[in-house]
């Protein structure tokens, strides 16, 4: 069975090397919608794959880290990167170009790591991230699966290669959240919300 939760965030970027002149030469923004699709062959004690309420904590925090931020590609022009980081307090630096397809891959890696490190307490079993859908515009979206996120044919995305600005970290419920996500910390779902 598959469940889906949609989140929204506002973000700006440049997609270097693409065909569209406007997209590759001008900072522009989107009202993104991200769909997180979880799957399991089992249901928890309440007959659910995963309680939607549980998605309002760390998973929402991951998505919110990109809200009202500029997302940057680490291999972009160094002067441009310095200026964007200088004039925007909320920025995210990625190891891959900032396309909708790579956003799918980045969010998959982030949310997959969170699920893998979460102790569930209401009978949830076998809960896996099935895919991520990123709606960049009203009419266009990309959908990424596990094989896309960890593809040997695409540039590797590891948690350690994603950098969040100090302003974003300061808004997390725990400023060491990302270090915990990258490390061996176990996140424990509450028994009751």
C-alpha atoms as a PDB file:
ATOM      1  CA  UNK A   1       0.000   0.000   0.000  1.00  0.00           C
ATOM      2  CA  UNK A   2       1.190   3.545  -0.729  1.00  0.00           C
ATOM      3  CA  UNK A   3       0.358   6.770   1.092  1.00  0.00           C
ATOM      4  CA  UNK A   4       1.207  10.257  -0.077  1.00  0.00           C
ATOM      5  CA  UNK A   5       1.844  13.496   1.825  1.00  0.00           C
ATOM      6  CA  UNK A   6       2.252  16.807   0.051  1.00  0.00           C
ATOM      7  CA  UNK A   7       4.336  19.699   1.361  1.00  0.00           C
ATOM      8  CA  UNK A   8       4.965  23.130  -0.186  1.00  0.00           C
ATOM      9  CA  UNK A   9       7.957  25.440  -0.218  1.00  0.00           C
ATOM     10  CA  UNK A  10       9.168  28.545  -2.048  1.00  0.00           C
ATOM     11  CA  UNK A  11      12.680  28.417  -3.470  1.00  0.00           C
ATOM     12  CA  UNK A  12      14.989  30.199  -5.907  1.00  0.00           C
ATOM     13  CA  UNK A  13      17.707  28.734  -8.084  1.00  0.00           C
ATOM     14  CA  UNK A  14      19.551  28.786 -11.403  1.00  0.00           C
ATOM     15  CA  UNK A  15      19.725  25.604 -13.477  1.00  0.00           C
ATOM     16  CA  UNK A  16      23.126  25.830 -15.134  1.00  0.00           C
ATOM     17  CA  UNK A  17      23.783  24.147 -18.496  1.00  0.00           C
ATOM     18  CA  UNK A  18      20.099  23.630 -19.374  1.00  0.00           C
ATOM     19  CA  UNK A  19      18.624  24.496 -22.783  1.00  0.00           C
ATOM     20  CA  UNK A  20      16.411  27.342 -21.546  1.00  0.00           C
ATOM     21  CA  UNK A  21      18.368  30.599 -21.620  1.00  0.00           C
ATOM     22  CA  UNK A  22      16.201  32.183 -18.922  1.00  0.00           C
ATOM     23  CA  UNK A  23      16.641  29.238 -16.539  1.00  0.00           C
ATOM     24  CA  UNK A  24      20.408  28.985 -16.931  1.00  0.00           C
ATOM     25  CA  UNK A  25      21.206  32.706 -16.786  1.00  0.00           C
ATOM     26  CA  UNK A  26      18.737  34.177 -14.295  1.00  0.00           C
ATOM     27  CA  UNK A  27      17.860  33.534 -10.692  1.00  0.00           C
ATOM     28  CA  UNK A  28      14.214  32.562 -10.592  1.00  0.00           C
ATOM     29  CA  UNK A  29      11.855  30.992  -8.122  1.00  0.00           C
ATOM     30  CA  UNK A  30       9.102  28.435  -7.928  1.00  0.00           C
ATOM     31  CA  UNK A  31       6.250  27.585  -5.620  1.00  0.00           C
ATOM     32  CA  UNK A  32       7.253  23.954  -5.249  1.00  0.00           C
ATOM     33  CA  UNK A  33       5.030  21.127  -4.177  1.00  0.00           C
ATOM     34  CA  UNK A  34       6.743  17.987  -2.958  1.00  0.00           C
ATOM     35  CA  UNK A  35       4.927  14.688  -2.645  1.00  0.00           C
ATOM     36  CA  UNK A  36       6.419  12.083  -0.332  1.00  0.00           C
ATOM     37  CA  UNK A  37       5.156   8.585  -1.121  1.00  0.00           C
ATOM     38  CA  UNK A  38       5.636   5.929   1.560  1.00  0.00           C
ATOM     39  CA  UNK A  39       4.906   2.252   1.128  1.00  0.00           C
ATOM     40  CA  UNK A  40       4.551  -0.840   3.249  1.00  0.00           C
ATOM     41  CA  UNK A  41       3.034  -4.289   2.958  1.00  0.00           C
ATOM     42  CA  UNK A  42       1.901  -3.943   6.560  1.00  0.00           C
ATOM     43  CA  UNK A  43      -0.380  -1.637   8.529  1.00  0.00           C
ATOM     44  CA  UNK A  44       0.296  -0.302  12.016  1.00  0.00           C
ATOM     45  CA  UNK A  45      -1.845  -0.751  15.138  1.00  0.00           C
ATOM     46  CA  UNK A  46      -4.356   1.782  13.778  1.00  0.00           C
ATOM     47  CA  UNK A  47      -4.570   0.219  10.311  1.00  0.00           C
ATOM     48  CA  UNK A  48      -2.280   2.831   8.707  1.00  0.00           C
ATOM     49  CA  UNK A  49       0.942   2.578   6.725  1.00  0.00           C
ATOM     50  CA  UNK A  50       2.253   5.609   8.646  1.00  0.00           C
ATOM     51  CA  UNK A  51       0.321   8.209  10.626  1.00  0.00           C
ATOM     52  CA  UNK A  52       0.300  11.481   8.662  1.00  0.00           C
ATOM     53  CA  UNK A  53       0.746  13.335  11.949  1.00  0.00           C
ATOM     54  CA  UNK A  54       4.219  11.849  12.310  1.00  0.00           C
ATOM     55  CA  UNK A  55       5.261  13.574   9.079  1.00  0.00           C
ATOM     56  CA  UNK A  56       4.833  16.982  10.719  1.00  0.00           C
ATOM     57  CA  UNK A  57       8.060  16.759  12.715  1.00  0.00           C
ATOM     58  CA  UNK A  58      11.485  16.020  11.236  1.00  0.00           C
ATOM     59  CA  UNK A  59      10.209  15.361   7.709  1.00  0.00           C
ATOM     60  CA  UNK A  60       8.482  18.742   7.549  1.00  0.00           C
ATOM     61  CA  UNK A  61      11.621  20.299   9.017  1.00  0.00           C
ATOM     62  CA  UNK A  62      13.679  18.902   6.121  1.00  0.00           C
ATOM     63  CA  UNK A  63      11.295  20.379   3.542  1.00  0.00           C
ATOM     64  CA  UNK A  64      11.032  23.683   5.418  1.00  0.00           C
ATOM     65  CA  UNK A  65      14.822  24.026   5.266  1.00  0.00           C
ATOM     66  CA  UNK A  66      14.409  24.825   1.562  1.00  0.00           C
ATOM     67  CA  UNK A  67      11.547  27.305   2.047  1.00  0.00           C
ATOM     68  CA  UNK A  68      12.294  30.943   1.191  1.00  0.00           C
ATOM     69  CA  UNK A  69      15.868  29.961   0.457  1.00  0.00           C
ATOM     70  CA  UNK A  70      18.143  29.960  -2.545  1.00  0.00           C
ATOM     71  CA  UNK A  71      19.514  26.585  -3.558  1.00  0.00           C
ATOM     72  CA  UNK A  72      23.008  26.632  -5.024  1.00  0.00           C
ATOM     73  CA  UNK A  73      25.123  24.196  -7.046  1.00  0.00           C
ATOM     74  CA  UNK A  74      28.575  23.776  -5.446  1.00  0.00           C
ATOM     75  CA  UNK A  75      30.327  23.787  -8.846  1.00  0.00           C
ATOM     76  CA  UNK A  76      28.814  27.115  -9.913  1.00  0.00           C
ATOM     77  CA  UNK A  77      30.937  30.227 -10.317  1.00  0.00           C
ATOM     78  CA  UNK A  78      32.713  30.869  -6.989  1.00  0.00           C
ATOM     79  CA  UNK A  79      32.074  34.630  -7.047  1.00  0.00           C
ATOM     80  CA  UNK A  80      28.354  34.019  -7.624  1.00  0.00           C
ATOM     81  CA  UNK A  81      28.224  31.510  -4.752  1.00  0.00           C
ATOM     82  CA  UNK A  82      29.969  33.948  -2.386  1.00  0.00           C
ATOM     83  CA  UNK A  83      27.574  36.777  -3.262  1.00  0.00           C
ATOM     84  CA  UNK A  84      24.462  34.618  -2.926  1.00  0.00           C
ATOM     85  CA  UNK A  85      25.650  33.379   0.468  1.00  0.00           C
ATOM     86  CA  UNK A  86      26.496  36.944   1.444  1.00  0.00           C
ATOM     87  CA  UNK A  87      23.123  38.440   0.547  1.00  0.00           C
ATOM     88  CA  UNK A  88      20.823  35.560   1.435  1.00  0.00           C
ATOM     89  CA  UNK A  89      20.739  34.262   4.985  1.00  0.00           C
ATOM     90  CA  UNK A  90      18.828  31.141   3.898  1.00  0.00           C
ATOM     91  CA  UNK A  91      20.742  29.056   1.387  1.00  0.00           C
ATOM     92  CA  UNK A  92      21.366  25.383   0.673  1.00  0.00           C
ATOM     93  CA  UNK A  93      24.466  24.192  -1.184  1.00  0.00           C
ATOM     94  CA  UNK A  94      24.045  20.972  -3.189  1.00  0.00           C
ATOM     95  CA  UNK A  95      26.604  18.667  -4.838  1.00  0.00           C
ATOM     96  CA  UNK A  96      24.418  18.538  -7.985  1.00  0.00           C
ATOM     97  CA  UNK A  97      22.863  21.058 -10.347  1.00  0.00           C
ATOM     98  CA  UNK A  98      19.563  22.420  -9.043  1.00  0.00           C
ATOM     99  CA  UNK A  99      17.007  20.804 -11.367  1.00  0.00           C
ATOM    100  CA  UNK A 100      13.628  19.336 -10.394  1.00  0.00           C
ATOM    101  CA  UNK A 101      15.101  15.891 -11.095  1.00  0.00           C
ATOM    102  CA  UNK A 102      18.009  16.477  -8.736  1.00  0.00           C
ATOM    103  CA  UNK A 103      15.654  17.940  -6.123  1.00  0.00           C
ATOM    104  CA  UNK A 104      13.852  14.567  -6.233  1.00  0.00           C
ATOM    105  CA  UNK A 105      17.152  12.804  -5.656  1.00  0.00           C
ATOM    106  CA  UNK A 106      18.244  15.161  -2.838  1.00  0.00           C
ATOM    107  CA  UNK A 107      14.928  14.904  -0.986  1.00  0.00           C
ATOM    108  CA  UNK A 108      14.918  11.139  -1.472  1.00  0.00           C
ATOM    109  CA  UNK A 109      18.370  10.828   0.129  1.00  0.00           C
ATOM    110  CA  UNK A 110      17.405  13.123   3.024  1.00  0.00           C
ATOM    111  CA  UNK A 111      14.029  11.538   3.807  1.00  0.00           C
ATOM    112  CA  UNK A 112      15.288   7.997   3.221  1.00  0.00           C
ATOM    113  CA  UNK A 113      18.045   8.571   5.782  1.00  0.00           C
ATOM    114  CA  UNK A 114      15.501   9.929   8.255  1.00  0.00           C
ATOM    115  CA  UNK A 115      13.204   6.918   7.850  1.00  0.00           C
ATOM    116  CA  UNK A 116      16.125   4.494   8.176  1.00  0.00           C
ATOM    117  CA  UNK A 117      17.113   6.157  11.468  1.00  0.00           C
ATOM    118  CA  UNK A 118      13.619   6.379  12.946  1.00  0.00           C
ATOM    119  CA  UNK A 119      12.374   4.029  15.637  1.00  0.00           C
ATOM    120  CA  UNK A 120       8.659   3.548  15.140  1.00  0.00           C
ATOM    121  CA  UNK A 121       6.429   2.816  18.116  1.00  0.00           C
ATOM    122  CA  UNK A 122       2.932   2.061  16.878  1.00  0.00           C
ATOM    123  CA  UNK A 123       3.381  -1.228  15.055  1.00  0.00           C
ATOM    124  CA  UNK A 124       4.693   0.274  11.820  1.00  0.00           C
ATOM    125  CA  UNK A 125       6.708  -2.262   9.804  1.00  0.00           C
ATOM    126  CA  UNK A 126       8.496  -2.223   6.502  1.00  0.00           C
ATOM    127  CA  UNK A 127       7.836   1.469   5.886  1.00  0.00           C
ATOM    128  CA  UNK A 128       9.975   2.601   2.941  1.00  0.00           C
ATOM    129  CA  UNK A 129      10.186   5.711   0.831  1.00  0.00           C
ATOM    130  CA  UNK A 130       8.665   4.718  -2.517  1.00  0.00           C
ATOM    131  CA  UNK A 131       9.291   7.952  -4.444  1.00  0.00           C
ATOM    132  CA  UNK A 132       9.458  11.722  -4.366  1.00  0.00           C
ATOM    133  CA  UNK A 133       7.519  13.937  -6.753  1.00  0.00           C
ATOM    134  CA  UNK A 134       8.617  17.562  -7.175  1.00  0.00           C
ATOM    135  CA  UNK A 135       6.107  19.892  -8.829  1.00  0.00           C
ATOM    136  CA  UNK A 136       8.165  22.817 -10.093  1.00  0.00           C
ATOM    137  CA  UNK A 137       5.308  24.455 -11.984  1.00  0.00           C
ATOM    138  CA  UNK A 138       1.572  23.947 -12.309  1.00  0.00           C
ATOM    139  CA  UNK A 139       2.116  21.738 -15.359  1.00  0.00           C
ATOM    140  CA  UNK A 140       5.526  20.141 -14.822  1.00  0.00           C
ATOM    141  CA  UNK A 141       6.955  17.737 -12.293  1.00  0.00           C
ATOM    142  CA  UNK A 142       9.698  15.163 -11.823  1.00  0.00           C
ATOM    143  CA  UNK A 143       9.370  11.873  -9.972  1.00  0.00           C
ATOM    144  CA  UNK A 144      12.361  10.075  -8.503  1.00  0.00           C
ATOM    145  CA  UNK A 145      12.707   6.578  -7.119  1.00  0.00           C
ATOM    146  CA  UNK A 146      15.356   4.774  -5.054  1.00  0.00           C
ATOM    147  CA  UNK A 147      17.256   3.693  -8.176  1.00  0.00           C
ATOM    148  CA  UNK A 148      17.428   7.351  -9.258  1.00  0.00           C
ATOM    149  CA  UNK A 149      18.562   8.678  -5.887  1.00  0.00           C
ATOM    150  CA  UNK A 150      21.413   6.188  -5.625  1.00  0.00           C
ATOM    151  CA  UNK A 151      22.129   5.615  -9.328  1.00  0.00           C
ATOM    152  CA  UNK A 152      25.662   4.647 -10.321  1.00  0.00           C
ATOM    153  CA  UNK A 153      25.055   6.521 -13.588  1.00  0.00           C
ATOM    154  CA  UNK A 154      24.374   9.896 -11.938  1.00  0.00           C
ATOM    155  CA  UNK A 155      26.528  12.117  -9.718  1.00  0.00           C
ATOM    156  CA  UNK A 156      26.512  10.786  -6.169  1.00  0.00           C
ATOM    157  CA  UNK A 157      24.532  12.614  -3.501  1.00  0.00           C
ATOM    158  CA  UNK A 158      25.602  11.999   0.074  1.00  0.00           C
ATOM    159  CA  UNK A 159      24.297  13.706   3.190  1.00  0.00           C
ATOM    160  CA  UNK A 160      27.740  15.066   3.977  1.00  0.00           C
ATOM    161  CA  UNK A 161      27.786  16.959   0.658  1.00  0.00           C
ATOM    162  CA  UNK A 162      24.635  18.985   1.413  1.00  0.00           C
ATOM    163  CA  UNK A 163      25.266  22.207   3.314  1.00  0.00           C
ATOM    164  CA  UNK A 164      22.664  24.370   5.067  1.00  0.00           C
ATOM    165  CA  UNK A 165      23.241  27.992   6.075  1.00  0.00           C
ATOM    166  CA  UNK A 166      23.497  29.024   9.723  1.00  0.00           C
ATOM    167  CA  UNK A 167      20.136  30.779   9.471  1.00  0.00           C
ATOM    168  CA  UNK A 168      18.433  27.546   8.421  1.00  0.00           C
ATOM    169  CA  UNK A 169      20.159  25.532  11.151  1.00  0.00           C
ATOM    170  CA  UNK A 170      19.118  28.129  13.754  1.00  0.00           C
ATOM    171  CA  UNK A 171      15.452  27.460  12.923  1.00  0.00           C
ATOM    172  CA  UNK A 172      15.659  23.687  13.406  1.00  0.00           C
ATOM    173  CA  UNK A 173      14.107  22.287  16.572  1.00  0.00           C
ATOM    174  CA  UNK A 174      17.635  21.116  17.428  1.00  0.00           C
ATOM    175  CA  UNK A 175      20.594  22.900  15.789  1.00  0.00           C
ATOM    176  CA  UNK A 176      22.443  19.581  15.687  1.00  0.00           C
ATOM    177  CA  UNK A 177      19.573  17.968  13.730  1.00  0.00           C
ATOM    178  CA  UNK A 178      21.590  17.552  10.545  1.00  0.00           C
ATOM    179  CA  UNK A 179      24.656  16.219  12.330  1.00  0.00           C
ATOM    180  CA  UNK A 180      22.352  13.659  13.954  1.00  0.00           C
ATOM    181  CA  UNK A 181      20.864  12.771  10.573  1.00  0.00           C
ATOM    182  CA  UNK A 182      24.348  12.269   9.128  1.00  0.00           C
ATOM    183  CA  UNK A 183      25.527  10.285  12.150  1.00  0.00           C
ATOM    184  CA  UNK A 184      24.285   7.300  14.099  1.00  0.00           C
ATOM    185  CA  UNK A 185      21.523   9.062  16.059  1.00  0.00           C
ATOM    186  CA  UNK A 186      18.163   7.268  16.247  1.00  0.00           C
ATOM    187  CA  UNK A 187      15.049   9.447  15.946  1.00  0.00           C
ATOM    188  CA  UNK A 188      12.173   8.118  18.063  1.00  0.00           C
ATOM    189  CA  UNK A 189       8.610   8.706  16.932  1.00  0.00           C
ATOM    190  CA  UNK A 190       6.323   9.815  19.736  1.00  0.00           C
ATOM    191  CA  UNK A 191       3.767   7.265  20.884  1.00  0.00           C
ATOM    192  CA  UNK A 192       1.162   9.994  20.798  1.00  0.00           C
ATOM    193  CA  UNK A 193       1.018  13.413  19.147  1.00  0.00           C
END
